[in-house]
Amino acid sequence: MDGRRSDVLGIINRLFHDFDRLNGALRTAETECQRLQAMRRELQGISTFADSLNREYQQLRNEVSRRQGDKAKSQKEREEMAEWFSALMNEAARRLRAGQPAA
Protein backbone atom coordinates (compact mmCIF):
# COMPACT_ATOMS: atom_id res chain seq x y z
CA MET A 1 0.00 0.00 0.00
CA ASP A 2 2.87 2.38 0.63
CA GLY A 3 3.76 2.17 -3.07
CA ARG A 4 0.28 3.15 -4.10
CA ARG A 5 0.20 5.94 -1.52
CA SER A 6 3.50 7.20 -2.84
CA ASP A 7 2.17 7.07 -6.42
CA VAL A 8 -0.99 8.96 -5.44
CA LEU A 9 1.04 11.58 -3.54
CA GLY A 10 3.34 11.91 -6.57
CA ILE A 11 0.34 12.46 -8.83
CA ILE A 12 -1.13 15.02 -6.42
CA ASN A 13 2.24 16.75 -6.18
CA ARG A 14 2.48 16.91 -10.01
CA LEU A 15 -1.10 18.25 -10.18
CA PHE A 16 -0.23 21.04 -7.73
CA HIS A 17 2.93 21.78 -9.69
CA ASP A 18 0.99 21.85 -12.98
CA PHE A 19 -1.66 24.04 -11.35
CA ASP A 20 0.99 26.53 -10.17
CA ARG A 21 2.67 26.52 -13.60
CA LEU A 22 -0.65 27.03 -15.42
CA ASN A 23 -1.73 29.69 -12.95
CA GLY A 24 1.54 31.58 -13.61
CA ALA A 25 1.02 31.22 -17.36
CA LEU A 26 -2.52 32.56 -16.95
CA ARG A 27 -1.26 35.63 -15.04
CA THR A 28 1.35 36.23 -17.73
CA ALA A 29 -1.31 35.92 -20.46
CA GLU A 30 -3.63 38.32 -18.59
CA THR A 31 -0.81 40.86 -18.22
CA GLU A 32 0.01 40.54 -21.93
CA CYS A 33 -3.68 40.91 -22.79
CA GLN A 34 -3.88 44.12 -20.75
CA ARG A 35 -0.74 45.45 -22.43
CA LEU A 36 -2.17 44.66 -25.87
CA GLN A 37 -5.49 46.29 -25.00
CA ALA A 38 -3.67 49.44 -23.91
CA MET A 39 -1.67 49.37 -27.13
CA ARG A 40 -4.91 48.93 -29.13
CA ARG A 41 -6.44 51.98 -27.41
CA GLU A 42 -3.30 53.98 -28.15
CA LEU A 43 -3.37 52.92 -31.80
CA GLN A 44 -7.04 53.87 -32.04
CA GLY A 45 -6.14 57.31 -30.70
CA ILE A 46 -3.33 57.61 -33.25
CA SER A 47 -5.69 56.49 -36.01
CA THR A 48 -8.26 59.10 -34.97
CA PHE A 49 -5.54 61.76 -34.92
CA ALA A 50 -4.31 60.65 -38.37
CA ASP A 51 -7.87 60.86 -39.72
CA SER A 52 -8.17 64.36 -38.29
CA LEU A 53 -4.85 65.38 -39.87
CA ASN A 54 -5.95 63.92 -43.20
CA ARG A 55 -9.22 65.91 -43.12
CA GLU A 56 -7.29 69.08 -42.28
CA TYR A 57 -4.80 68.34 -45.08
CA GLN A 58 -7.65 67.95 -47.58
CA GLN A 59 -9.22 71.21 -46.39
CA LEU A 60 -5.90 72.99 -46.80
CA ARG A 61 -5.43 71.50 -50.28
CA ASN A 62 -8.90 72.73 -51.22
CA GLU A 63 -8.08 76.18 -49.82
CA VAL A 64 -4.79 76.29 -51.77
CA SER A 65 -6.61 75.27 -54.97
CA ARG A 66 -9.25 77.93 -54.39
CA ARG A 67 -6.63 80.59 -53.76
CA GLN A 68 -4.65 79.54 -56.82
CA GLY A 69 -7.85 79.95 -58.83
CA ASP A 70 -8.39 83.38 -57.27
CA LYS A 71 -4.81 84.35 -58.04
CA ALA A 72 -5.13 83.25 -61.67
CA LYS A 73 -8.40 85.18 -61.99
CA SER A 74 -6.83 88.31 -60.44
CA GLN A 75 -3.80 88.01 -62.70
CA LYS A 76 -6.05 87.75 -65.76
CA GLU A 77 -8.08 90.78 -64.63
CA ARG A 78 -4.86 92.79 -64.11
CA GLU A 79 -3.63 91.81 -67.58
CA GLU A 80 -6.97 92.80 -69.12
CA MET A 81 -6.89 96.16 -67.28
CA ALA A 82 -3.29 96.73 -68.38
CA GLU A 83 -4.24 95.98 -72.00
CA TRP A 84 -7.27 98.27 -71.76
CA PHE A 85 -5.19 101.07 -70.20
CA SER A 86 -2.44 100.62 -72.78
CA ALA A 87 -4.98 100.78 -75.62
CA LEU A 88 -6.54 103.89 -74.02
CA MET A 89 -3.13 105.57 -73.72
CA ASN A 90 -2.20 104.60 -77.29
CA GLU A 91 -5.50 106.08 -78.55
CA ALA A 92 -4.93 109.26 -76.51
CA ALA A 93 -1.39 109.56 -77.88
CA ARG A 94 -2.64 108.98 -81.44
CA ARG A 95 -5.28 111.69 -81.03
CA LEU A 96 -2.77 114.11 -79.54
CA ARG A 97 -0.38 113.49 -82.43
CA ALA A 98 -3.19 113.91 -84.94
CA GLY A 99 -4.22 117.21 -83.35
CA GLN A 100 -0.70 118.72 -83.40
CA PRO A 101 0.40 120.73 -86.43
CA ALA A 102 3.05 119.10 -88.59
CA ALA A 103 6.53 120.46 -87.98
C-alpha atoms as a PDB file:
ATOM      1  CA  MET A   1       0.000   0.000   0.000  1.00  0.00           C
ATOM      2  CA  ASP A   2       2.873   2.376   0.628  1.00  0.00           C
ATOM      3  CA  GLY A   3       3.765   2.173  -3.073  1.00  0.00           C
ATOM      4  CA  ARG A   4       0.278   3.145  -4.098  1.00  0.00           C
ATOM      5  CA  ARG A   5       0.196   5.936  -1.524  1.00  0.00           C
ATOM      6  CA  SER A   6       3.501   7.202  -2.837  1.00  0.00           C
ATOM      7  CA  ASP A   7       2.169   7.065  -6.420  1.00  0.00           C
ATOM      8  CA  VAL A   8      -0.987   8.957  -5.439  1.00  0.00           C
ATOM      9  CA  LEU A   9       1.043  11.577  -3.539  1.00  0.00           C
ATOM     10  CA  GLY A  10       3.339  11.908  -6.571  1.00  0.00           C
ATOM     11  CA  ILE A  11       0.345  12.457  -8.829  1.00  0.00           C
ATOM     12  CA  ILE A  12      -1.132  15.019  -6.418  1.00  0.00           C
ATOM     13  CA  ASN A  13       2.237  16.747  -6.179  1.00  0.00           C
ATOM     14  CA  ARG A  14       2.478  16.914 -10.010  1.00  0.00           C
ATOM     15  CA  LEU A  15      -1.100  18.255 -10.177  1.00  0.00           C
ATOM     16  CA  PHE A  16      -0.225  21.038  -7.727  1.00  0.00           C
ATOM     17  CA  HIS A  17       2.934  21.779  -9.694  1.00  0.00           C
ATOM     18  CA  ASP A  18       0.994  21.848 -12.976  1.00  0.00           C
ATOM     19  CA  PHE A  19      -1.665  24.044 -11.349  1.00  0.00           C
ATOM     20  CA  ASP A  20       0.992  26.529 -10.170  1.00  0.00           C
ATOM     21  CA  ARG A  21       2.667  26.519 -13.596  1.00  0.00           C
ATOM     22  CA  LEU A  22      -0.654  27.029 -15.420  1.00  0.00           C
ATOM     23  CA  ASN A  23      -1.726  29.695 -12.950  1.00  0.00           C
ATOM     24  CA  GLY A  24       1.544  31.580 -13.610  1.00  0.00           C
ATOM     25  CA  ALA A  25       1.019  31.225 -17.358  1.00  0.00           C
ATOM     26  CA  LEU A  26      -2.523  32.562 -16.946  1.00  0.00           C
ATOM     27  CA  ARG A  27      -1.259  35.633 -15.040  1.00  0.00           C
ATOM     28  CA  THR A  28       1.354  36.228 -17.727  1.00  0.00           C
ATOM     29  CA  ALA A  29      -1.308  35.918 -20.456  1.00  0.00           C
ATOM     30  CA  GLU A  30      -3.628  38.318 -18.587  1.00  0.00           C
ATOM     31  CA  THR A  31      -0.813  40.859 -18.222  1.00  0.00           C
ATOM     32  CA  GLU A  32       0.006  40.543 -21.930  1.00  0.00           C
ATOM     33  CA  CYS A  33      -3.683  40.912 -22.788  1.00  0.00           C
ATOM     34  CA  GLN A  34      -3.883  44.124 -20.746  1.00  0.00           C
ATOM     35  CA  ARG A  35      -0.740  45.454 -22.430  1.00  0.00           C
ATOM     36  CA  LEU A  36      -2.166  44.656 -25.873  1.00  0.00           C
ATOM     37  CA  GLN A  37      -5.494  46.291 -25.000  1.00  0.00           C
ATOM     38  CA  ALA A  38      -3.669  49.441 -23.906  1.00  0.00           C
ATOM     39  CA  MET A  39      -1.674  49.373 -27.126  1.00  0.00           C
ATOM     40  CA  ARG A  40      -4.907  48.926 -29.128  1.00  0.00           C
ATOM     41  CA  ARG A  41      -6.438  51.980 -27.408  1.00  0.00           C
ATOM     42  CA  GLU A  42      -3.298  53.980 -28.154  1.00  0.00           C
ATOM     43  CA  LEU A  43      -3.368  52.916 -31.802  1.00  0.00           C
ATOM     44  CA  GLN A  44      -7.042  53.869 -32.039  1.00  0.00           C
ATOM     45  CA  GLY A  45      -6.137  57.312 -30.702  1.00  0.00           C
ATOM     46  CA  ILE A  46      -3.333  57.611 -33.246  1.00  0.00           C
ATOM     47  CA  SER A  47      -5.692  56.493 -36.012  1.00  0.00           C
ATOM     48  CA  THR A  48      -8.260  59.099 -34.974  1.00  0.00           C
ATOM     49  CA  PHE A  49      -5.545  61.760 -34.916  1.00  0.00           C
ATOM     50  CA  ALA A  50      -4.312  60.655 -38.365  1.00  0.00           C
ATOM     51  CA  ASP A  51      -7.870  60.864 -39.721  1.00  0.00           C
ATOM     52  CA  SER A  52      -8.168  64.363 -38.288  1.00  0.00           C
ATOM     53  CA  LEU A  53      -4.854  65.384 -39.874  1.00  0.00           C
ATOM     54  CA  ASN A  54      -5.953  63.916 -43.203  1.00  0.00           C
ATOM     55  CA  ARG A  55      -9.215  65.910 -43.124  1.00  0.00           C
ATOM     56  CA  GLU A  56      -7.288  69.079 -42.282  1.00  0.00           C
ATOM     57  CA  TYR A  57      -4.802  68.336 -45.077  1.00  0.00           C
ATOM     58  CA  GLN A  58      -7.654  67.946 -47.580  1.00  0.00           C
ATOM     59  CA  GLN A  59      -9.224  71.207 -46.387  1.00  0.00           C
ATOM     60  CA  LEU A  60      -5.897  72.989 -46.795  1.00  0.00           C
ATOM     61  CA  ARG A  61      -5.427  71.503 -50.279  1.00  0.00           C
ATOM     62  CA  ASN A  62      -8.897  72.732 -51.219  1.00  0.00           C
ATOM     63  CA  GLU A  63      -8.079  76.178 -49.825  1.00  0.00           C
ATOM     64  CA  VAL A  64      -4.787  76.287 -51.771  1.00  0.00           C
ATOM     65  CA  SER A  65      -6.608  75.272 -54.971  1.00  0.00           C
ATOM     66  CA  ARG A  66      -9.253  77.930 -54.389  1.00  0.00           C
ATOM     67  CA  ARG A  67      -6.630  80.589 -53.755  1.00  0.00           C
ATOM     68  CA  GLN A  68      -4.646  79.541 -56.820  1.00  0.00           C
ATOM     69  CA  GLY A  69      -7.845  79.955 -58.834  1.00  0.00           C
ATOM     70  CA  ASP A  70      -8.390  83.382 -57.267  1.00  0.00           C
ATOM     71  CA  LYS A  71      -4.806  84.350 -58.042  1.00  0.00           C
ATOM     72  CA  ALA A  72      -5.126  83.253 -61.675  1.00  0.00           C
ATOM     73  CA  LYS A  73      -8.403  85.183 -61.989  1.00  0.00           C
ATOM     74  CA  SER A  74      -6.833  88.307 -60.436  1.00  0.00           C
ATOM     75  CA  GLN A  75      -3.798  88.007 -62.702  1.00  0.00           C
ATOM     76  CA  LYS A  76      -6.053  87.747 -65.761  1.00  0.00           C
ATOM     77  CA  GLU A  77      -8.078  90.777 -64.625  1.00  0.00           C
ATOM     78  CA  ARG A  78      -4.858  92.792 -64.107  1.00  0.00           C
ATOM     79  CA  GLU A  79      -3.626  91.808 -67.575  1.00  0.00           C
ATOM     80  CA  GLU A  80      -6.967  92.804 -69.124  1.00  0.00           C
ATOM     81  CA  MET A  81      -6.892  96.160 -67.280  1.00  0.00           C
ATOM     82  CA  ALA A  82      -3.290  96.732 -68.378  1.00  0.00           C
ATOM     83  CA  GLU A  83      -4.237  95.980 -72.002  1.00  0.00           C
ATOM     84  CA  TRP A  84      -7.267  98.270 -71.761  1.00  0.00           C
ATOM     85  CA  PHE A  85      -5.187 101.069 -70.198  1.00  0.00           C
ATOM     86  CA  SER A  86      -2.439 100.616 -72.784  1.00  0.00           C
ATOM     87  CA  ALA A  87      -4.979 100.779 -75.622  1.00  0.00           C
ATOM     88  CA  LEU A  88      -6.540 103.892 -74.024  1.00  0.00           C
ATOM     89  CA  MET A  89      -3.131 105.572 -73.721  1.00  0.00           C
ATOM     90  CA  ASN A  90      -2.200 104.605 -77.294  1.00  0.00           C
ATOM     91  CA  GLU A  91      -5.496 106.085 -78.546  1.00  0.00           C
ATOM     92  CA  ALA A  92      -4.926 109.257 -76.514  1.00  0.00           C
ATOM     93  CA  ALA A  93      -1.394 109.562 -77.881  1.00  0.00           C
ATOM     94  CA  ARG A  94      -2.643 108.978 -81.441  1.00  0.00           C
ATOM     95  CA  ARG A  95      -5.283 111.688 -81.032  1.00  0.00           C
ATOM     96  CA  LEU A  96      -2.768 114.109 -79.537  1.00  0.00           C
ATOM     97  CA  ARG A  97      -0.377 113.493 -82.429  1.00  0.00           C
ATOM     98  CA  ALA A  98      -3.188 113.908 -84.940  1.00  0.00           C
ATOM     99  CA  GLY A  99      -4.217 117.213 -83.349  1.00  0.00           C
ATOM    100  CA  GLN A 100      -0.695 118.723 -83.395  1.00  0.00           C
ATOM    101  CA  PRO A 101       0.398 120.733 -86.434  1.00  0.00           C
ATOM    102  CA  ALA A 102       3.051 119.096 -88.585  1.00  0.00           C
ATOM    103  CA  ALA A 103       6.531 120.463 -87.979  1.00  0.00           C
END
